[in-house]
Amino acid sequence: MPAGKTSFVCLPCRASYKQPYDRDRPNRTCPRCAKPLIHAGSAFAAPPRRDTEAWRVLSVLLHAGVGFHKSCCGGPGWRPRTLREVRERMTYARRTGEPIARALVRFNV
């Protein structure tokens, strides 16, 4: 059975590439700009290139270590879609001391 494909994202180009995941080759480069790609996960769906707000939200999520990986029970779970939701969760993380990555995937704050 062939290996499943997973998404790698280039934030400066606002591009996503589906490629087979290979543990021996974790670092990939963008074919357009030659910058490193970020592993986003197999359940990732890229926003439209012109949607700057969605790409800013995605940048915050990926830099915080939040991925879009499938689990045995379903998809990746809830993720914020707007900058307002990101700001609310960052404020919550600062007030409570909860790690940012965990606060970003919290449905209710």
N, C-alpha and C. Protein backbone atom coordinates (compact mmCIF):
# COMPACT_ATOMS: atom_id res chain seq x y z
N MET A 1 0.84 -1.17 0.00
CA MET A 1 0.00 0.00 0.00
C MET A 1 0.89 1.24 0.00
N PRO A 2 0.63 2.22 -0.87
CA PRO A 2 1.46 3.41 -0.93
C PRO A 2 1.29 4.26 0.31
N ALA A 3 2.33 5.00 0.64
CA ALA A 3 2.29 5.88 1.80
C ALA A 3 1.30 7.01 1.56
N GLY A 4 0.62 7.44 2.62
CA GLY A 4 -0.32 8.54 2.51
C GLY A 4 0.41 9.86 2.34
N LYS A 5 -0.26 10.81 1.76
CA LYS A 5 0.35 12.11 1.55
C LYS A 5 -0.07 13.07 2.66
N THR A 6 0.79 14.02 2.91
CA THR A 6 0.55 15.02 3.93
C THR A 6 0.89 16.39 3.36
N SER A 7 0.43 17.44 3.98
CA SER A 7 0.62 18.79 3.45
C SER A 7 1.84 19.46 4.04
N PHE A 8 2.56 20.16 3.17
CA PHE A 8 3.66 21.03 3.56
C PHE A 8 3.31 22.42 3.06
N VAL A 9 3.56 23.45 3.88
CA VAL A 9 3.11 24.80 3.58
C VAL A 9 4.29 25.76 3.49
N CYS A 10 4.24 26.65 2.51
CA CYS A 10 5.17 27.76 2.41
C CYS A 10 4.38 29.03 2.71
N LEU A 11 4.65 29.64 3.86
CA LEU A 11 3.90 30.82 4.27
C LEU A 11 4.20 32.05 3.40
N PRO A 12 5.47 32.33 3.03
CA PRO A 12 5.71 33.50 2.18
C PRO A 12 5.03 33.41 0.81
N CYS A 13 4.97 32.23 0.23
CA CYS A 13 4.32 32.04 -1.08
C CYS A 13 2.82 31.81 -0.96
N ARG A 14 2.35 31.52 0.24
CA ARG A 14 0.95 31.14 0.47
C ARG A 14 0.58 29.95 -0.41
N ALA A 15 1.40 28.91 -0.30
CA ALA A 15 1.19 27.72 -1.12
C ALA A 15 1.26 26.47 -0.24
N SER A 16 0.54 25.44 -0.66
CA SER A 16 0.52 24.17 0.03
C SER A 16 0.84 23.07 -0.97
N TYR A 17 1.63 22.10 -0.52
CA TYR A 17 2.03 21.00 -1.38
C TYR A 17 1.76 19.68 -0.67
N LYS A 18 1.05 18.78 -1.33
CA LYS A 18 0.82 17.43 -0.79
C LYS A 18 1.96 16.54 -1.26
N GLN A 19 2.66 15.94 -0.31
CA GLN A 19 3.77 15.06 -0.63
C GLN A 19 3.76 13.88 0.32
N PRO A 20 4.33 12.76 -0.09
CA PRO A 20 4.43 11.63 0.83
C PRO A 20 5.33 12.01 2.01
N TYR A 21 4.93 11.60 3.20
CA TYR A 21 5.74 11.91 4.38
C TYR A 21 6.85 10.88 4.50
N ASP A 22 8.06 11.36 4.67
CA ASP A 22 9.23 10.49 4.79
C ASP A 22 10.02 10.95 6.01
N ARG A 23 10.11 10.09 7.03
CA ARG A 23 10.84 10.45 8.26
C ARG A 23 12.32 10.71 8.00
N ASP A 24 12.86 10.10 6.96
CA ASP A 24 14.27 10.30 6.64
C ASP A 24 14.53 11.65 5.98
N ARG A 25 13.48 12.29 5.51
CA ARG A 25 13.61 13.59 4.83
C ARG A 25 12.59 14.58 5.39
N PRO A 26 12.76 15.00 6.67
CA PRO A 26 11.76 15.88 7.27
C PRO A 26 11.82 17.32 6.75
N ASN A 27 12.98 17.77 6.29
CA ASN A 27 13.11 19.15 5.83
C ASN A 27 12.91 19.23 4.32
N ARG A 28 11.92 20.03 3.93
CA ARG A 28 11.61 20.21 2.51
C ARG A 28 11.76 21.69 2.17
N THR A 29 11.98 21.99 0.92
CA THR A 29 12.07 23.37 0.48
C THR A 29 10.99 23.66 -0.55
N CYS A 30 10.59 24.91 -0.57
CA CYS A 30 9.55 25.36 -1.49
C CYS A 30 10.10 25.39 -2.92
N PRO A 31 9.36 24.83 -3.88
CA PRO A 31 9.83 24.87 -5.26
C PRO A 31 9.79 26.27 -5.88
N ARG A 32 9.04 27.19 -5.26
CA ARG A 32 8.93 28.54 -5.81
C ARG A 32 10.00 29.48 -5.27
N CYS A 33 10.23 29.45 -3.93
CA CYS A 33 11.14 30.43 -3.31
C CYS A 33 12.35 29.79 -2.63
N ALA A 34 12.39 28.48 -2.54
CA ALA A 34 13.49 27.72 -1.93
C ALA A 34 13.62 27.92 -0.42
N LYS A 35 12.58 28.45 0.22
CA LYS A 35 12.57 28.56 1.69
C LYS A 35 12.02 27.27 2.27
N PRO A 36 12.28 27.01 3.56
CA PRO A 36 11.80 25.75 4.15
C PRO A 36 10.28 25.68 4.21
N LEU A 37 9.75 24.49 3.95
CA LEU A 37 8.32 24.23 4.09
C LEU A 37 8.03 23.78 5.51
N ILE A 38 6.82 24.08 5.98
CA ILE A 38 6.37 23.67 7.32
C ILE A 38 5.40 22.51 7.16
N HIS A 39 5.61 21.46 7.93
CA HIS A 39 4.71 20.30 7.88
C HIS A 39 3.41 20.68 8.57
N ALA A 40 2.30 20.69 7.83
CA ALA A 40 1.00 21.09 8.37
C ALA A 40 0.14 19.91 8.78
N GLY A 41 0.30 18.75 8.16
CA GLY A 41 -0.50 17.59 8.52
C GLY A 41 -1.37 17.13 7.38
N SER A 42 -1.91 15.93 7.53
CA SER A 42 -2.68 15.32 6.45
C SER A 42 -4.11 15.84 6.36
N ALA A 43 -4.62 16.48 7.41
CA ALA A 43 -6.00 16.99 7.39
C ALA A 43 -6.04 18.48 7.08
N PHE A 44 -4.96 19.03 6.55
CA PHE A 44 -4.88 20.47 6.26
C PHE A 44 -5.55 20.80 4.95
N ALA A 45 -6.31 21.90 4.95
CA ALA A 45 -6.90 22.44 3.73
C ALA A 45 -6.47 23.90 3.63
N ALA A 46 -5.75 24.24 2.59
CA ALA A 46 -5.21 25.59 2.45
C ALA A 46 -6.31 26.60 2.15
N PRO A 47 -6.21 27.79 2.76
CA PRO A 47 -7.16 28.85 2.41
C PRO A 47 -6.80 29.44 1.05
N PRO A 48 -7.70 30.18 0.45
CA PRO A 48 -7.38 30.83 -0.83
C PRO A 48 -6.17 31.77 -0.67
N ARG A 49 -5.35 31.87 -1.68
CA ARG A 49 -4.13 32.66 -1.62
C ARG A 49 -4.43 34.13 -1.33
N ARG A 50 -5.53 34.66 -1.76
CA ARG A 50 -5.85 36.07 -1.57
C ARG A 50 -6.40 36.39 -0.18
N ASP A 51 -6.73 35.38 0.62
CA ASP A 51 -7.30 35.58 1.96
C ASP A 51 -6.17 35.81 2.98
N THR A 52 -5.75 37.07 3.10
CA THR A 52 -4.59 37.39 3.95
C THR A 52 -4.85 37.10 5.42
N GLU A 53 -6.06 37.34 5.89
CA GLU A 53 -6.37 37.08 7.31
C GLU A 53 -6.22 35.59 7.64
N ALA A 54 -6.74 34.73 6.78
CA ALA A 54 -6.64 33.29 7.02
C ALA A 54 -5.19 32.84 7.03
N TRP A 55 -4.35 33.40 6.17
CA TRP A 55 -2.94 33.02 6.15
C TRP A 55 -2.21 33.55 7.38
N ARG A 56 -2.62 34.70 7.91
CA ARG A 56 -2.02 35.20 9.16
C ARG A 56 -2.39 34.29 10.32
N VAL A 57 -3.64 33.85 10.36
CA VAL A 57 -4.09 32.92 11.41
C VAL A 57 -3.31 31.61 11.28
N LEU A 58 -3.17 31.12 10.07
CA LEU A 58 -2.43 29.89 9.82
C LEU A 58 -0.97 30.03 10.26
N SER A 59 -0.38 31.17 10.00
CA SER A 59 1.01 31.42 10.41
C SER A 59 1.15 31.34 11.93
N VAL A 60 0.23 31.95 12.66
CA VAL A 60 0.26 31.89 14.13
C VAL A 60 0.14 30.44 14.60
N LEU A 61 -0.80 29.70 14.02
CA LEU A 61 -1.01 28.31 14.42
C LEU A 61 0.23 27.45 14.17
N LEU A 62 0.79 27.54 12.97
CA LEU A 62 1.93 26.69 12.63
C LEU A 62 3.18 27.06 13.44
N HIS A 63 3.39 28.35 13.68
CA HIS A 63 4.55 28.77 14.48
C HIS A 63 4.39 28.41 15.95
N ALA A 64 3.16 28.23 16.41
CA ALA A 64 2.91 27.80 17.79
C ALA A 64 3.02 26.29 17.93
N GLY A 65 3.14 25.59 16.81
CA GLY A 65 3.27 24.14 16.86
C GLY A 65 1.96 23.39 16.72
N VAL A 66 0.90 24.09 16.34
CA VAL A 66 -0.40 23.46 16.15
C VAL A 66 -0.47 22.93 14.72
N GLY A 67 -0.75 21.66 14.59
CA GLY A 67 -0.83 21.03 13.27
C GLY A 67 -2.25 20.61 12.93
N PHE A 68 -2.39 20.04 11.77
CA PHE A 68 -3.68 19.57 11.27
C PHE A 68 -3.56 18.09 10.96
N HIS A 69 -3.31 17.31 12.00
CA HIS A 69 -3.08 15.88 11.85
C HIS A 69 -4.35 15.11 12.17
N LYS A 70 -4.62 14.07 11.39
CA LYS A 70 -5.76 13.20 11.65
C LYS A 70 -5.42 12.28 12.81
N SER A 71 -6.47 11.88 13.52
CA SER A 71 -6.30 10.87 14.56
C SER A 71 -7.16 9.68 14.20
N CYS A 72 -7.10 8.64 14.99
CA CYS A 72 -7.89 7.45 14.70
C CYS A 72 -9.39 7.72 14.85
N CYS A 73 -9.74 8.76 15.60
CA CYS A 73 -11.15 9.04 15.88
C CYS A 73 -11.72 10.15 15.02
N GLY A 74 -10.95 10.73 14.12
CA GLY A 74 -11.49 11.79 13.29
C GLY A 74 -10.41 12.76 12.84
N GLY A 75 -10.84 13.99 12.59
CA GLY A 75 -9.93 15.01 12.07
C GLY A 75 -9.13 15.70 13.16
N PRO A 76 -8.59 16.85 12.85
CA PRO A 76 -7.69 17.53 13.77
C PRO A 76 -8.38 18.25 14.91
N GLY A 77 -9.68 18.39 14.84
CA GLY A 77 -10.40 19.12 15.89
C GLY A 77 -10.60 20.58 15.51
N TRP A 78 -11.06 21.36 16.47
CA TRP A 78 -11.38 22.77 16.21
C TRP A 78 -10.10 23.59 16.09
N ARG A 79 -10.08 24.54 15.16
CA ARG A 79 -8.98 25.48 14.99
C ARG A 79 -9.58 26.87 14.78
N PRO A 80 -8.95 27.95 15.31
CA PRO A 80 -9.47 29.30 15.07
C PRO A 80 -9.37 29.67 13.59
N ARG A 81 -10.33 30.47 13.14
CA ARG A 81 -10.34 30.87 11.73
C ARG A 81 -10.16 32.37 11.54
N THR A 82 -10.34 33.15 12.61
CA THR A 82 -10.20 34.60 12.49
C THR A 82 -9.14 35.11 13.46
N LEU A 83 -8.63 36.31 13.17
CA LEU A 83 -7.64 36.91 14.05
C LEU A 83 -8.25 37.24 15.42
N ARG A 84 -9.52 37.55 15.44
CA ARG A 84 -10.20 37.82 16.71
C ARG A 84 -10.17 36.59 17.62
N GLU A 85 -10.46 35.42 17.05
CA GLU A 85 -10.42 34.18 17.83
C GLU A 85 -8.99 33.89 18.31
N VAL A 86 -8.00 34.18 17.49
CA VAL A 86 -6.61 33.98 17.90
C VAL A 86 -6.26 34.92 19.05
N ARG A 87 -6.63 36.20 18.94
CA ARG A 87 -6.34 37.18 20.00
C ARG A 87 -7.01 36.78 21.32
N GLU A 88 -8.26 36.32 21.25
CA GLU A 88 -8.96 35.89 22.47
C GLU A 88 -8.21 34.75 23.16
N ARG A 89 -7.76 33.79 22.38
CA ARG A 89 -7.07 32.64 22.96
C ARG A 89 -5.66 32.99 23.45
N MET A 90 -4.99 33.92 22.79
CA MET A 90 -3.68 34.37 23.27
C MET A 90 -3.82 35.13 24.59
N THR A 91 -4.84 35.94 24.70
CA THR A 91 -5.10 36.65 25.95
C THR A 91 -5.43 35.67 27.06
N TYR A 92 -6.24 34.68 26.76
CA TYR A 92 -6.58 33.64 27.73
C TYR A 92 -5.32 32.90 28.19
N ALA A 93 -4.43 32.59 27.26
CA ALA A 93 -3.19 31.88 27.60
C ALA A 93 -2.32 32.74 28.52
N ARG A 94 -2.23 34.03 28.24
CA ARG A 94 -1.43 34.93 29.09
C ARG A 94 -2.02 35.02 30.49
N ARG A 95 -3.36 35.13 30.59
CA ARG A 95 -4.01 35.27 31.91
C ARG A 95 -3.93 34.02 32.75
N THR A 96 -4.08 32.86 32.12
CA THR A 96 -4.15 31.61 32.89
C THR A 96 -2.83 30.86 32.98
N GLY A 97 -1.88 31.18 32.12
CA GLY A 97 -0.62 30.46 32.12
C GLY A 97 -0.67 29.16 31.32
N GLU A 98 -1.77 28.93 30.63
CA GLU A 98 -1.89 27.73 29.79
C GLU A 98 -0.96 27.89 28.58
N PRO A 99 -0.33 26.81 28.12
CA PRO A 99 0.52 26.91 26.93
C PRO A 99 -0.27 27.44 25.73
N ILE A 100 0.39 28.25 24.91
CA ILE A 100 -0.28 28.89 23.78
C ILE A 100 -0.85 27.87 22.81
N ALA A 101 -0.10 26.81 22.53
CA ALA A 101 -0.59 25.80 21.57
C ALA A 101 -1.88 25.16 22.07
N ARG A 102 -1.99 24.92 23.36
CA ARG A 102 -3.21 24.31 23.90
C ARG A 102 -4.35 25.32 23.91
N ALA A 103 -4.06 26.58 24.21
CA ALA A 103 -5.11 27.61 24.24
C ALA A 103 -5.65 27.88 22.84
N LEU A 104 -4.81 27.79 21.81
CA LEU A 104 -5.26 28.05 20.45
C LEU A 104 -6.25 27.02 19.94
N VAL A 105 -6.20 25.80 20.42
CA VAL A 105 -7.14 24.77 19.95
C VAL A 105 -8.33 24.60 20.88
N ARG A 106 -8.42 25.45 21.90
CA ARG A 106 -9.55 25.39 22.83
C ARG A 106 -10.78 26.00 22.18
N PHE A 107 -11.90 25.26 22.21
CA PHE A 107 -13.14 25.74 21.58
C PHE A 107 -13.72 26.93 22.34
N ASN A 108 -13.85 26.81 23.64
CA ASN A 108 -14.41 27.88 24.47
C ASN A 108 -13.32 28.49 25.34
N VAL A 109 -13.35 29.82 25.44
CA VAL A 109 -12.43 30.50 26.36
C VAL A 109 -13.18 31.27 27.40
